[in-house]
Amino acid sequence: DEEIARLRAAAELKAEPHAPPSGGERVRIIAGPLAGSEGVLERRGEECRVVLAYAPMRRAISVEVNQAAIELVVEG
């Protein structure tokens, strides 16, 4: 149910289908409707996007976010 709610919230944020990420800089969204979601940072020119993978559905989406709304995920 939580994943479906996040997908609905993502629809408002210029979400686009995306291939599942194969690596990259892990980030956490800390503000907005997707706060708490973790994904992989992707930059497209001036745009800052986060690729979110939904494992149960074997899908991923890319959403545009404000750089101030993300933080690096520190592993370890």
C-alpha atoms as a PDB file:
ATOM      1  CA  ASP A   1       0.000   0.000   0.000  1.00  0.00           C
ATOM      2  CA  GLU A   2       2.864   2.359   0.838  1.00  0.00           C
ATOM      3  CA  GLU A   3       4.503   1.751  -2.560  1.00  0.00           C
ATOM      4  CA  ILE A   4       1.239   2.499  -4.384  1.00  0.00           C
ATOM      5  CA  ALA A   5       0.816   5.743  -2.432  1.00  0.00           C
ATOM      6  CA  ARG A   6       4.349   6.776  -3.425  1.00  0.00           C
ATOM      7  CA  LEU A   7       3.627   5.998  -7.084  1.00  0.00           C
ATOM      8  CA  ARG A   8       0.541   8.187  -6.966  1.00  0.00           C
ATOM      9  CA  ALA A   9       2.568  11.000  -5.392  1.00  0.00           C
ATOM     10  CA  ALA A  10       5.257  10.594  -8.057  1.00  0.00           C
ATOM     11  CA  ALA A  11       2.691  11.166 -10.799  1.00  0.00           C
ATOM     12  CA  GLU A  12       2.581  14.821  -9.721  1.00  0.00           C
ATOM     13  CA  LEU A  13       6.378  15.227 -10.019  1.00  0.00           C
ATOM     14  CA  LYS A  14       7.065  14.783 -13.743  1.00  0.00           C
ATOM     15  CA  ALA A  15       7.654  11.050 -13.297  1.00  0.00           C
ATOM     16  CA  GLU A  16       8.993   9.168 -16.300  1.00  0.00           C
ATOM     17  CA  PRO A  17       9.526   5.442 -16.842  1.00  0.00           C
ATOM     18  CA  HIS A  18      13.189   4.499 -16.419  1.00  0.00           C
ATOM     19  CA  ALA A  19      15.328   1.391 -16.608  1.00  0.00           C
ATOM     20  CA  PRO A  20      16.150  -0.017 -13.162  1.00  0.00           C
ATOM     21  CA  PRO A  21      19.364   1.622 -11.908  1.00  0.00           C
ATOM     22  CA  SER A  22      22.529  -0.454 -12.106  1.00  0.00           C
ATOM     23  CA  GLY A  23      24.532   1.712  -9.729  1.00  0.00           C
ATOM     24  CA  GLY A  24      25.257   5.306  -8.913  1.00  0.00           C
ATOM     25  CA  GLU A  25      25.102   7.752  -6.059  1.00  0.00           C
ATOM     26  CA  ARG A  26      22.416   6.702  -3.526  1.00  0.00           C
ATOM     27  CA  VAL A  27      20.241   9.534  -2.212  1.00  0.00           C
ATOM     28  CA  ARG A  28      17.193   9.951   0.026  1.00  0.00           C
ATOM     29  CA  ILE A  29      14.388  12.394  -0.714  1.00  0.00           C
ATOM     30  CA  ILE A  30      13.860  14.437   2.448  1.00  0.00           C
ATOM     31  CA  ALA A  31      11.024  16.785   1.445  1.00  0.00           C
ATOM     32  CA  GLY A  32       7.841  16.624  -0.559  1.00  0.00           C
ATOM     33  CA  PRO A  33       5.392  13.820  -1.307  1.00  0.00           C
ATOM     34  CA  LEU A  34       8.175  11.245  -1.787  1.00  0.00           C
ATOM     35  CA  ALA A  35      10.032  12.079   1.455  1.00  0.00           C
ATOM     36  CA  GLY A  36      11.745   8.985   2.800  1.00  0.00           C
ATOM     37  CA  SER A  37      12.158   7.351  -0.620  1.00  0.00           C
ATOM     38  CA  GLU A  38      15.655   6.269  -1.617  1.00  0.00           C
ATOM     39  CA  GLY A  39      17.008   6.034  -5.118  1.00  0.00           C
ATOM     40  CA  VAL A  40      19.880   6.836  -7.440  1.00  0.00           C
ATOM     41  CA  LEU A  41      20.808  10.392  -8.392  1.00  0.00           C
ATOM     42  CA  GLU A  42      20.728  11.277 -12.090  1.00  0.00           C
ATOM     43  CA  ARG A  43      21.566  14.647 -13.597  1.00  0.00           C
ATOM     44  CA  ARG A  44      20.281  15.821 -16.962  1.00  0.00           C
ATOM     45  CA  GLY A  45      21.860  19.148 -17.685  1.00  0.00           C
ATOM     46  CA  GLU A  46      20.306  21.505 -15.143  1.00  0.00           C
ATOM     47  CA  GLU A  47      17.755  18.932 -13.949  1.00  0.00           C
ATOM     48  CA  CYS A  48      18.248  16.896 -10.801  1.00  0.00           C
ATOM     49  CA  ARG A  49      16.357  13.599 -10.908  1.00  0.00           C
ATOM     50  CA  VAL A  50      16.116  10.556  -8.664  1.00  0.00           C
ATOM     51  CA  VAL A  51      15.546   7.084 -10.085  1.00  0.00           C
ATOM     52  CA  LEU A  52      13.288   5.075  -7.788  1.00  0.00           C
ATOM     53  CA  ALA A  53      13.122   1.302  -8.231  1.00  0.00           C
ATOM     54  CA  TYR A  54      10.001  -0.639  -7.267  1.00  0.00           C
ATOM     55  CA  ALA A  55      11.287  -4.218  -6.905  1.00  0.00           C
ATOM     56  CA  PRO A  56       7.921  -5.970  -6.453  1.00  0.00           C
ATOM     57  CA  MET A  57       6.814  -4.592  -9.814  1.00  0.00           C
ATOM     58  CA  ARG A  58      10.243  -4.779 -11.491  1.00  0.00           C
ATOM     59  CA  ARG A  59       9.866  -1.171 -12.576  1.00  0.00           C
ATOM     60  CA  ALA A  60      11.649   2.097 -12.024  1.00  0.00           C
ATOM     61  CA  ILE A  61      10.721   5.718 -12.486  1.00  0.00           C
ATOM     62  CA  SER A  62      12.689   8.924 -12.624  1.00  0.00           C
ATOM     63  CA  VAL A  63      11.315  11.998 -10.830  1.00  0.00           C
ATOM     64  CA  GLU A  64      12.495  15.586 -10.942  1.00  0.00           C
ATOM     65  CA  VAL A  65      13.456  16.911  -7.507  1.00  0.00           C
ATOM     66  CA  ASN A  66      14.957  20.055  -6.080  1.00  0.00           C
ATOM     67  CA  GLN A  67      18.568  19.422  -5.084  1.00  0.00           C
ATOM     68  CA  ALA A  68      17.812  20.872  -1.631  1.00  0.00           C
ATOM     69  CA  ALA A  69      15.234  18.091  -1.141  1.00  0.00           C
ATOM     70  CA  ILE A  70      17.765  15.231  -1.240  1.00  0.00           C
ATOM     71  CA  GLU A  71      20.615  13.965   0.902  1.00  0.00           C
ATOM     72  CA  LEU A  72      23.328  11.404   0.283  1.00  0.00           C
ATOM     73  CA  VAL A  73      22.778   7.964   1.788  1.00  0.00           C
ATOM     74  CA  VAL A  74      25.825   6.971   3.772  1.00  0.00           C
ATOM     75  CA  GLU A  75      26.302   3.201   3.830  1.00  0.00           C
ATOM     76  CA  GLY A  76      28.083   1.574   6.681  1.00  0.00           C
END
